[in-house]
Amino acid sequence: MSKNYDVIIVGCGASGLYAALNLPSDMKVLVLAKRELTLCNSSLAQGGIAGVYKNPDDSPALHKEDTFIAGGFENDPDSTEVLVTEAAQDIDKIIKLGVDFDKTPDGDYHRTLEGGHGKHRIFHHKDATGYEIETKLLAYVQTLPNVEIWENALMCDCHKVGDGFSFLVLKDGEFITCNSHKAIFATGGIGRVYEFTTNSAIATGDGIAKAYDMGAEIKHLSYIQFHPTAFNNRNTRECFLISEAVRGEGAYLLNCNKERFMQNYDRRKELAPRDVVSHSIIFEVRRTGSDEFYIDISHKDPEFVKNRFPMIYKNLLEAGYDMTKEPVPIFPCHHYLMGGINVDTFARTNIDGLYACGECSHTGVHGNNRLASNSLLEALVFSRRAAADIAEKLDKSKTLESYPYEIDESAPHIPSGLRREIRALMQKSYFVLPDIGSLQDSLTRVAHIREMLVKGNYKLDRDYVEARSLATVAYIVLTEAVEIAFSSVPLDYVDYEHGF
């Protein structure tokens, strides 16, 4: 048996949910949540959502300028213009949907500052903005009679069939075929391809890998952002993020000698963009011979810190650190993906009827380094535009077809250790500053693992799907990295060492 829908959305984060609620109410929509409904990178976003909204002291032009500077001027001009000029309508809409942004005593919205921003334009809910947006969007979408949400529903495969798409979904141990006229991939990032990441457990690049297999253009997948201030307890693979906003509120970065060092690398000091700070930390490692670094906001009023960052304060306290009294250990960690499935300003891919939104997409708005708090904004703006394009173009009269999926129930499990090996290769060869000497060997090994998984006959389960996805995205990243490394030396790996 197969189930038919007008639109299937793969991913239940901010972009997937916002696309669903912006689709017309007469469309039958299915949203696939890979695991628990709120387990996604959107829920983990702490800092906030950037945008010019009811602020006469700011402008979209200034927001665009900051975005271009942070992105090394590799940003797509048209997409970035859409992002900054349409920010206000989506911020206004989610406020009307119940998102509770913090306010000042006079009733205005409190806008904070983060690295790379020249104006206070970050709307936030304490230090848990992503969770606030995610849960409010989810609550609204769950009331829509035209939208089904399937929890613990894994996209195992997808094929373009005729004018539509046919999905193979594994839900509660059962394989289900679902067909749709249009499809939106909103599957998040690739964080689990690294040993250490701030990303949630679902971030294995499934949508990007499947789109690649289907023939979609993948662009700049090697543009990976490493957040400079992940909590460094040296124990867990999923690293707790200490928000950009902590630096925005005046925190210092300290080296192993408990000395500030950013002034030696960039005139913006702690408020430099993330890639600059991460590179500077690695240069400081080389200078001092130590990988011990700290973030320190203990010079600020303790009550302000506790009220401004309640979640961070609580989590650090549970780990044995009081951020109001002492420096906290940090180190760069994989955080975000600027590249992905290449799309236009309506989130359309080069495959007719397939759209991509959120972190799995490449809109071009981030250039080679995302400006803080532009990610939630991107997720909203372009998923809304995808929904508008689908509303205009969807033809329900066309017949939907199913792909004849065959499942070998007797196939063996994949060999153990493959995902662990992929993570080790990526961590060694492509972390903050690429290890030129190991890139080619890592690519060769990853290509072998991917070929084995793609051509081999293995049990179709979560382990296989995620390993295949990780091998595919690692292969694409390292292929790009090798091409860049052996064609030229990127300037941004040189300039920051000497400062200004």
Protein backbone atom coordinates (compact mmCIF):
# COMPACT_ATOMS: atom_id res chain seq x y z
CA MET A 1 0.00 0.00 0.00
CA SER A 2 1.16 3.52 -0.75
CA LYS A 3 -0.02 6.88 0.54
CA ASN A 4 -0.39 9.96 -1.64
CA TYR A 5 0.15 13.61 -0.69
CA ASP A 6 0.41 16.92 -2.45
CA VAL A 7 3.63 17.83 -0.63
CA ILE A 8 6.04 15.74 1.45
CA ILE A 9 8.39 17.68 3.72
CA VAL A 10 11.40 15.77 5.06
CA GLY A 11 12.43 17.41 8.31
CA CYS A 12 10.58 18.83 11.28
CA GLY A 13 12.83 21.76 12.20
CA ALA A 14 12.00 25.42 11.77
CA SER A 15 12.21 25.39 7.96
CA GLY A 16 10.09 22.27 7.52
CA LEU A 17 7.39 23.43 9.93
CA TYR A 18 7.30 26.98 8.55
CA ALA A 19 6.93 25.63 5.02
CA ALA A 20 4.03 23.45 6.17
CA LEU A 21 2.12 26.27 7.83
CA ASN A 22 2.59 28.54 4.81
CA LEU A 23 1.19 26.02 2.32
CA PRO A 24 -2.48 26.44 1.32
CA SER A 25 -4.97 24.70 3.61
CA ASP A 26 -6.41 22.64 0.74
CA MET A 27 -3.11 20.84 0.18
CA LYS A 28 -2.50 17.47 1.79
CA VAL A 29 0.91 17.66 3.48
CA LEU A 30 3.11 15.08 5.20
CA VAL A 31 5.99 16.12 7.46
CA LEU A 32 8.57 13.46 8.33
CA ALA A 33 10.39 13.81 11.65
CA LYS A 34 13.42 11.53 11.70
CA ARG A 35 13.25 11.03 15.47
CA GLU A 36 11.50 12.98 18.27
CA LEU A 37 9.60 16.00 17.01
CA THR A 38 11.86 18.60 18.62
CA LEU A 39 15.18 16.80 18.08
CA CYS A 40 16.74 19.09 15.50
CA ASN A 41 19.37 21.79 15.15
CA SER A 42 16.68 24.49 15.21
CA SER A 43 15.87 23.59 18.81
CA LEU A 44 19.52 23.98 19.80
CA ALA A 45 19.92 27.53 18.45
CA GLN A 46 20.66 29.74 21.43
CA GLY A 47 21.58 33.23 20.30
CA GLY A 48 18.56 34.40 18.37
CA ILE A 49 17.24 35.46 15.01
CA ALA A 50 18.75 38.46 13.22
CA GLY A 51 16.61 40.98 11.38
CA VAL A 52 15.63 44.61 11.04
CA TYR A 53 12.16 44.93 12.53
CA LYS A 54 10.68 48.18 13.88
CA ASN A 55 14.12 49.66 14.48
CA PRO A 56 14.73 53.16 13.01
CA ASP A 57 18.41 52.98 13.97
CA ASP A 58 19.05 50.00 11.69
CA SER A 59 18.39 49.11 8.06
CA PRO A 60 18.35 46.07 5.77
CA ALA A 61 21.26 47.65 3.89
CA LEU A 62 23.39 47.62 7.05
CA HIS A 63 22.34 44.04 7.80
CA LYS A 64 23.32 43.07 4.26
CA GLU A 65 26.68 44.80 4.61
CA ASP A 66 27.48 42.91 7.83
CA THR A 67 26.39 39.64 6.19
CA PHE A 68 28.70 40.25 3.23
CA ILE A 69 31.67 41.15 5.42
CA ALA A 70 31.24 38.02 7.54
CA GLY A 71 30.79 35.89 4.41
CA GLY A 72 33.99 37.08 2.77
CA PHE A 73 31.90 38.79 0.04
CA GLU A 74 31.15 35.38 -1.45
CA ASN A 75 27.46 35.83 -0.64
CA ASP A 76 24.86 35.64 -3.39
CA PRO A 77 23.62 39.24 -3.80
CA ASP A 78 20.05 38.42 -4.80
CA SER A 79 19.45 35.85 -2.06
CA THR A 80 21.03 38.07 0.58
CA GLU A 81 18.84 40.98 -0.50
CA VAL A 82 15.78 38.75 -0.11
CA LEU A 83 16.98 37.62 3.33
CA VAL A 84 17.45 41.08 4.83
CA THR A 85 14.51 42.86 3.18
CA GLU A 86 11.94 40.15 3.99
CA ALA A 87 13.15 39.53 7.54
CA ALA A 88 10.58 41.87 9.06
CA GLN A 89 7.54 40.04 7.69
CA ASP A 90 8.66 36.68 9.05
CA ILE A 91 9.69 38.04 12.45
CA ASP A 92 6.29 39.72 12.63
CA LYS A 93 4.53 36.49 11.62
CA ILE A 94 6.20 34.27 14.22
CA ILE A 95 5.49 36.88 16.91
CA LYS A 96 1.81 36.64 15.94
CA LEU A 97 2.12 32.85 16.16
CA GLY A 98 3.15 33.25 19.80
CA VAL A 99 6.95 33.36 19.77
CA ASP A 100 7.90 35.25 22.93
CA PHE A 101 10.96 37.43 22.36
CA ASP A 102 12.50 39.15 25.37
CA LYS A 103 11.60 42.78 25.96
CA THR A 104 13.16 45.75 27.73
CA PRO A 105 11.51 47.43 30.75
CA ASP A 106 9.91 50.03 28.45
CA GLY A 107 8.17 47.26 26.45
CA ASP A 108 10.34 47.37 23.33
CA TYR A 109 12.00 44.21 22.06
CA HIS A 110 15.45 43.57 23.48
CA ARG A 111 17.91 43.30 20.62
CA THR A 112 21.32 41.92 21.45
CA LEU A 113 24.66 42.13 19.65
CA GLU A 114 26.71 39.24 18.30
CA GLY A 115 30.02 38.86 16.51
CA GLY A 116 30.10 40.52 13.09
CA HIS A 117 26.98 42.67 13.63
CA GLY A 118 27.35 46.43 13.61
CA LYS A 119 23.92 46.97 15.21
CA HIS A 120 21.86 45.41 17.97
CA ARG A 121 19.44 43.41 15.79
CA ILE A 122 19.27 39.94 17.38
CA PHE A 123 15.81 39.01 18.72
CA HIS A 124 16.00 36.33 21.37
CA HIS A 125 14.15 34.35 24.01
CA LYS A 126 16.69 34.23 26.84
CA ASP A 127 19.36 31.88 25.47
CA ALA A 128 16.93 29.31 24.03
CA THR A 129 15.54 31.13 20.99
CA GLY A 130 15.58 28.14 18.67
CA TYR A 131 13.60 25.99 21.08
CA GLU A 132 11.07 28.77 21.56
CA ILE A 133 10.55 29.15 17.81
CA GLU A 134 10.55 25.40 17.15
CA THR A 135 7.97 24.58 19.83
CA LYS A 136 5.64 27.43 18.87
CA LEU A 137 5.75 26.48 15.18
CA LEU A 138 5.18 22.83 16.05
CA ALA A 139 2.21 23.63 18.27
CA TYR A 140 0.60 25.62 15.45
CA VAL A 141 1.28 23.05 12.70
CA GLN A 142 -0.20 20.30 14.89
CA THR A 143 -3.54 22.15 14.76
CA LEU A 144 -3.67 22.15 10.95
CA PRO A 145 -6.10 19.51 9.63
CA ASN A 146 -4.32 19.27 6.26
CA VAL A 147 -0.91 18.40 7.77
CA GLU A 148 0.20 15.00 9.08
CA ILE A 149 3.38 14.74 11.13
CA TRP A 150 5.05 11.36 11.44
CA GLU A 151 7.44 10.99 14.35
CA ASN A 152 10.35 8.51 14.17
CA ALA A 153 9.96 8.35 10.39
CA LEU A 154 13.21 7.81 8.49
CA MET A 155 13.53 8.65 4.79
CA CYS A 156 15.31 5.57 3.46
CA ASP A 157 15.07 6.43 -0.21
CA CYS A 158 13.47 8.82 -2.68
CA HIS A 159 13.04 8.72 -6.44
CA LYS A 160 11.72 11.13 -9.00
CA VAL A 161 8.89 9.23 -10.68
CA GLY A 162 7.02 10.88 -13.53
CA ASP A 163 5.93 14.34 -12.40
CA GLY A 164 6.27 13.56 -8.70
CA PHE A 165 8.30 11.80 -6.04
CA SER A 166 8.14 8.42 -4.38
CA PHE A 167 9.57 7.98 -0.87
CA LEU A 168 10.43 4.86 1.08
CA VAL A 169 9.88 5.60 4.77
CA LEU A 170 10.77 3.42 7.75
CA LYS A 171 8.34 4.13 10.58
CA ASP A 172 8.02 2.03 13.73
CA GLY A 173 9.71 -0.91 12.03
CA GLU A 174 7.42 -0.81 8.99
CA PHE A 175 8.33 0.27 5.45
CA ILE A 176 5.79 2.63 3.86
CA THR A 177 5.80 4.05 0.33
CA CYS A 178 4.60 7.66 0.10
CA ASN A 179 4.15 9.66 -3.10
CA SER A 180 3.81 13.40 -3.67
CA HIS A 181 3.59 16.04 -6.38
CA LYS A 182 6.21 18.22 -4.71
CA ALA A 183 8.94 17.56 -2.14
CA ILE A 184 10.82 19.76 0.31
CA PHE A 185 14.07 18.60 1.88
CA ALA A 186 14.54 20.36 5.22
CA THR A 187 16.86 17.79 6.73
CA GLY A 188 19.41 19.97 8.52
CA GLY A 189 23.17 19.77 8.55
CA ILE A 190 26.03 17.27 8.58
CA GLY A 191 27.46 17.69 12.09
CA ARG A 192 27.68 13.99 12.87
CA VAL A 193 30.35 13.60 10.20
CA TYR A 194 32.73 15.03 12.83
CA GLU A 195 33.93 13.59 16.12
CA PHE A 196 32.87 16.76 17.95
CA THR A 197 29.87 18.87 16.98
CA THR A 198 27.20 21.11 18.47
CA ASN A 199 24.62 19.43 16.22
CA SER A 200 21.85 17.09 17.30
CA ALA A 201 21.87 13.35 16.65
CA ILE A 202 19.78 13.66 13.47
CA ALA A 203 22.40 15.75 11.61
CA THR A 204 23.83 13.08 9.32
CA GLY A 205 23.29 14.85 5.98
CA ASP A 206 20.52 12.52 4.77
CA GLY A 207 18.78 15.06 2.55
CA ILE A 208 22.00 16.31 0.97
CA ALA A 209 23.20 12.77 0.27
CA LYS A 210 19.89 11.71 -1.25
CA ALA A 211 19.63 14.87 -3.36
CA TYR A 212 23.18 14.22 -4.63
CA ASP A 213 22.21 10.67 -5.62
CA MET A 214 19.15 12.06 -7.41
CA GLY A 215 21.27 14.46 -9.46
CA ALA A 216 20.75 17.69 -7.57
CA GLU A 217 23.53 20.26 -7.66
CA ILE A 218 25.48 20.40 -4.40
CA LYS A 219 27.47 23.59 -3.87
CA HIS A 220 30.17 24.64 -1.39
CA LEU A 221 29.73 21.68 0.94
CA SER A 222 33.28 22.32 2.15
CA TYR A 223 32.16 25.70 3.55
CA ILE A 224 31.86 24.47 7.11
CA GLN A 225 31.68 26.74 10.14
CA PHE A 226 33.48 25.81 13.33
CA HIS A 227 32.06 27.64 16.33
CA PRO A 228 34.89 29.04 18.45
CA THR A 229 33.19 28.70 21.84
CA ALA A 230 31.92 25.17 22.33
CA PHE A 231 32.19 24.00 25.95
CA ASN A 232 35.31 21.85 26.14
CA ASN A 233 34.81 19.08 28.67
CA ARG A 234 36.87 16.71 26.48
CA ASN A 235 34.38 13.90 27.11
CA THR A 236 31.23 14.14 24.97
CA ARG A 237 30.91 14.08 21.17
CA GLU A 238 27.91 16.43 21.18
CA CYS A 239 29.44 19.63 22.52
CA PHE A 240 27.35 22.13 24.43
CA LEU A 241 27.43 25.52 22.71
CA ILE A 242 28.25 28.70 24.60
CA SER A 243 26.34 31.20 22.52
CA GLU A 244 27.82 33.97 20.39
CA ALA A 245 25.67 36.27 22.49
CA VAL A 246 27.90 35.70 25.53
CA ARG A 247 30.70 37.46 23.67
CA GLY A 248 28.14 39.98 22.48
CA GLU A 249 27.40 40.84 26.08
CA GLY A 250 31.08 41.46 26.86
CA ALA A 251 32.80 38.13 27.53
CA TYR A 252 36.55 37.83 27.02
CA LEU A 253 38.45 35.01 25.32
CA LEU A 254 41.54 33.85 27.21
CA ASN A 255 44.47 31.60 26.31
CA CYS A 256 46.21 29.04 28.51
CA ASN A 257 47.84 31.86 30.48
CA LYS A 258 44.38 33.39 31.17
CA GLU A 259 45.36 36.33 28.93
CA ARG A 260 43.21 37.97 26.23
CA PHE A 261 44.66 37.36 22.77
CA MET A 262 42.12 38.35 20.10
CA GLN A 263 43.57 41.85 19.87
CA ASN A 264 46.66 40.25 18.31
CA TYR A 265 44.64 38.86 15.39
CA ASP A 266 41.72 41.16 14.64
CA ARG A 267 40.78 44.73 15.56
CA ARG A 268 37.24 43.58 16.40
CA LYS A 269 38.70 41.38 19.13
CA GLU A 270 36.09 39.02 20.65
CA LEU A 271 33.39 40.40 18.34
CA ALA A 272 35.10 39.24 15.14
CA PRO A 273 33.11 36.74 13.02
CA ARG A 274 33.26 33.08 13.97
CA ASP A 275 35.73 31.92 11.36
CA VAL A 276 38.18 34.66 12.32
CA VAL A 277 37.96 33.72 16.01
CA SER A 278 38.31 29.99 15.31
CA HIS A 279 41.35 30.57 13.10
CA SER A 280 42.84 32.87 15.73
CA ILE A 281 42.46 30.19 18.39
CA ILE A 282 44.33 27.68 16.21
CA PHE A 283 47.09 30.22 15.57
CA GLU A 284 47.28 30.82 19.32
CA VAL A 285 47.56 27.05 19.85
CA ARG A 286 50.58 27.06 17.59
CA ARG A 287 52.09 30.05 19.38
CA THR A 288 51.59 28.79 22.94
CA GLY A 289 51.74 25.05 22.37
CA SER A 290 48.52 24.60 24.37
CA ASP A 291 44.92 23.89 23.44
CA GLU A 292 43.53 25.27 26.71
CA PHE A 293 41.23 28.24 26.09
CA TYR A 294 38.52 29.94 28.11
CA ILE A 295 35.58 32.30 27.84
CA ASP A 296 35.18 34.69 30.78
CA ILE A 297 32.16 36.82 31.63
CA SER A 298 32.75 36.78 35.39
CA HIS A 299 33.47 40.54 35.34
CA LYS A 300 29.80 41.21 34.54
CA ASP A 301 26.99 41.47 37.10
CA PRO A 302 26.14 37.90 38.23
CA GLU A 303 22.38 38.48 38.22
CA PHE A 304 22.51 39.88 34.70
CA VAL A 305 24.43 36.83 33.49
CA LYS A 306 22.04 34.38 35.18
CA ASN A 307 18.95 36.12 33.78
CA ARG A 308 20.39 36.65 30.29
CA PHE A 309 21.78 33.12 29.92
CA PRO A 310 19.74 30.86 32.19
CA MET A 311 20.16 27.69 30.12
CA ILE A 312 23.90 28.13 29.61
CA TYR A 313 24.37 29.02 33.28
CA LYS A 314 22.40 25.95 34.39
CA ASN A 315 24.17 23.54 32.06
CA LEU A 316 27.62 24.81 32.97
CA LEU A 317 26.79 24.67 36.68
CA GLU A 318 25.82 21.03 36.28
CA ALA A 319 29.19 20.45 34.60
CA GLY A 320 31.02 22.03 37.54
CA TYR A 321 31.54 25.60 36.31
CA ASP A 322 29.96 28.83 37.57
CA MET A 323 30.22 31.27 34.67
CA THR A 324 29.50 34.19 37.01
CA LYS A 325 32.65 33.44 39.02
CA GLU A 326 35.24 31.82 36.76
CA PRO A 327 36.45 31.30 33.19
CA VAL A 328 34.91 28.34 31.33
CA PRO A 329 36.98 26.04 29.05
CA ILE A 330 36.14 26.29 25.34
CA PHE A 331 37.53 25.15 22.00
CA PRO A 332 36.35 25.34 18.37
CA CYS A 333 33.91 22.64 17.30
CA HIS A 334 31.94 21.81 14.16
CA HIS A 335 28.79 23.91 14.17
CA TYR A 336 27.17 24.84 10.86
CA LEU A 337 27.12 24.22 7.12
CA MET A 338 27.07 27.13 4.67
CA GLY A 339 26.89 24.95 1.56
CA GLY A 340 24.37 22.30 0.58
CA ILE A 341 21.73 21.56 -2.04
CA ASN A 342 21.95 24.50 -4.40
CA VAL A 343 18.70 26.48 -4.68
CA ASP A 344 17.41 29.75 -6.10
CA THR A 345 15.55 32.50 -4.24
CA PHE A 346 12.42 30.34 -4.09
CA ALA A 347 14.35 27.34 -2.69
CA ARG A 348 14.02 25.48 -6.00
CA THR A 349 16.67 22.90 -6.87
CA ASN A 350 17.66 21.89 -10.42
CA ILE A 351 15.29 18.89 -10.05
CA ASP A 352 11.80 19.97 -11.04
CA GLY A 353 9.48 19.92 -8.03
CA LEU A 354 12.22 19.40 -5.43
CA TYR A 355 12.88 22.21 -2.96
CA ALA A 356 15.46 22.51 -0.18
CA CYS A 357 15.27 24.76 2.87
CA GLY A 358 17.27 25.48 5.99
CA GLU A 359 20.75 24.22 6.71
CA CYS A 360 20.70 21.47 4.08
CA SER A 361 20.29 24.10 1.34
CA HIS A 362 22.75 26.46 -0.28
CA THR A 363 20.98 29.77 -0.82
CA GLY A 364 24.28 31.62 -0.94
CA VAL A 365 23.30 34.08 1.80
CA HIS A 366 26.12 33.01 4.12
CA GLY A 367 29.07 33.26 1.73
CA ASN A 368 32.01 31.34 3.19
CA ASN A 369 31.09 32.10 6.81
CA ARG A 370 27.63 32.55 8.34
CA LEU A 371 26.94 35.76 10.22
CA ALA A 372 25.61 34.90 13.68
CA SER A 373 21.83 34.40 13.96
CA ASN A 374 21.19 34.52 10.22
CA SER A 375 20.40 30.79 10.14
CA LEU A 376 16.96 30.86 11.76
CA LEU A 377 16.09 33.81 9.54
CA GLU A 378 17.18 31.93 6.42
CA ALA A 379 15.11 28.92 7.50
CA LEU A 380 11.95 31.04 7.71
CA VAL A 381 12.36 33.34 4.71
CA PHE A 382 13.15 30.71 2.09
CA SER A 383 10.76 28.03 3.33
CA ARG A 384 7.95 30.59 3.11
CA ARG A 385 9.04 31.41 -0.44
CA ALA A 386 9.15 27.70 -1.30
CA ALA A 387 5.58 27.32 -0.04
CA ALA A 388 4.47 30.29 -2.14
CA ASP A 389 6.06 28.82 -5.27
CA ILE A 390 4.45 25.43 -4.64
CA ALA A 391 1.07 27.06 -4.09
CA GLU A 392 1.37 28.71 -7.48
CA LYS A 393 2.61 25.72 -9.46
CA LEU A 394 1.18 22.51 -7.96
CA ASP A 395 -1.14 20.63 -10.30
CA LYS A 396 -3.24 18.10 -8.41
CA SER A 397 -4.65 16.59 -11.59
CA LYS A 398 -1.40 14.81 -12.41
CA THR A 399 -1.24 11.11 -11.58
CA LEU A 400 1.12 10.03 -8.82
CA GLU A 401 3.23 6.92 -9.29
CA SER A 402 5.08 4.67 -6.82
CA TYR A 403 8.63 3.46 -7.20
CA PRO A 404 8.95 -0.38 -6.98
CA TYR A 405 11.15 -0.59 -3.89
CA GLU A 406 12.63 -3.99 -3.09
CA ILE A 407 13.80 -4.79 0.45
CA ASP A 408 16.05 -7.73 1.29
CA GLU A 409 15.08 -8.70 4.83
CA SER A 410 17.92 -11.24 4.99
CA ALA A 411 20.71 -8.76 4.16
CA PRO A 412 23.47 -8.39 6.81
CA HIS A 413 24.08 -5.30 8.94
CA ILE A 414 26.80 -2.94 7.82
CA PRO A 415 30.29 -3.64 9.24
CA SER A 416 30.84 -1.96 12.60
CA GLY A 417 33.07 1.08 12.94
CA LEU A 418 32.45 2.75 9.58
CA ARG A 419 30.86 5.92 10.98
CA ARG A 420 33.55 6.16 13.64
CA GLU A 421 36.24 5.91 10.96
CA ILE A 422 34.60 8.59 8.81
CA ARG A 423 34.42 10.97 11.77
CA ALA A 424 38.10 10.41 12.59
CA LEU A 425 39.14 11.07 9.01
CA MET A 426 37.15 14.30 8.84
CA GLN A 427 38.39 15.52 12.23
CA LYS A 428 42.01 14.94 11.23
CA SER A 429 42.00 16.25 7.68
CA TYR A 430 39.39 19.04 7.59
CA PHE A 431 39.05 20.83 10.93
CA VAL A 432 39.25 24.69 11.06
CA LEU A 433 42.54 24.77 9.10
CA PRO A 434 42.75 21.81 6.69
CA ASP A 435 45.58 19.31 7.07
CA ILE A 436 46.85 19.41 3.50
CA GLY A 437 49.04 16.35 4.03
CA SER A 438 46.15 14.02 4.89
CA LEU A 439 43.36 15.32 2.64
CA GLN A 440 44.00 13.05 -0.35
CA ASP A 441 44.43 9.89 1.73
CA SER A 442 41.23 10.67 3.65
CA LEU A 443 39.33 11.23 0.41
CA THR A 444 40.56 7.94 -1.02
CA ARG A 445 39.44 6.00 2.05
CA VAL A 446 36.06 7.75 2.27
CA ALA A 447 35.42 7.11 -1.43
CA HIS A 448 36.09 3.40 -0.82
CA ILE A 449 33.67 3.30 2.14
CA ARG A 450 30.98 5.07 0.14
CA GLU A 451 31.34 2.73 -2.83
CA MET A 452 31.08 -0.27 -0.52
CA LEU A 453 27.86 1.05 1.05
CA VAL A 454 26.23 2.19 -2.19
CA LYS A 455 26.98 -0.99 -4.16
CA GLY A 456 26.81 -3.52 -1.32
CA ASN A 457 23.76 -5.38 -0.10
CA TYR A 458 23.12 -4.41 3.52
CA LYS A 459 20.14 -4.38 5.85
CA LEU A 460 18.12 -1.24 5.21
CA ASP A 461 17.91 0.33 8.66
CA ARG A 462 18.90 3.55 10.41
CA ASP A 463 22.54 2.47 10.77
CA TYR A 464 22.87 1.87 7.05
CA VAL A 465 21.05 5.02 5.93
CA GLU A 466 23.08 7.28 8.23
CA ALA A 467 26.41 5.64 7.36
CA ARG A 468 25.67 5.98 3.65
CA SER A 469 24.73 9.62 4.15
CA LEU A 470 27.85 10.40 6.18
CA ALA A 471 30.09 8.69 3.64
CA THR A 472 28.48 10.65 0.81
CA VAL A 473 28.74 14.09 2.44
CA ALA A 474 32.30 13.38 3.60
CA TYR A 475 33.18 12.36 0.05
CA ILE A 476 31.75 15.61 -1.38
CA VAL A 477 33.41 17.79 1.28
CA LEU A 478 36.84 16.20 0.86
CA THR A 479 36.60 16.25 -2.93
CA GLU A 480 36.01 20.01 -2.81
CA ALA A 481 38.73 20.47 -0.18
CA VAL A 482 41.31 18.61 -2.27
CA GLU A 483 40.43 20.67 -5.36
CA ILE A 484 40.82 23.90 -3.40
CA ALA A 485 43.98 22.85 -1.58
CA PHE A 486 45.85 21.84 -4.67
CA SER A 487 44.68 24.67 -6.92
CA SER A 488 45.50 27.65 -4.69
CA VAL A 489 46.06 28.73 -1.10
CA PRO A 490 42.89 30.43 0.19
CA LEU A 491 43.71 33.95 1.37
CA ASP A 492 41.60 33.65 4.50
CA TYR A 493 44.03 31.03 5.79
CA VAL A 494 46.82 33.59 5.57
CA ASP A 495 45.42 37.02 6.40
CA TYR A 496 44.17 36.28 9.90
CA GLU A 497 47.58 35.07 11.06
CA HIS A 498 49.01 38.54 10.58
CA GLY A 499 46.02 40.56 11.76
CA PHE A 500 45.48 44.13 10.59
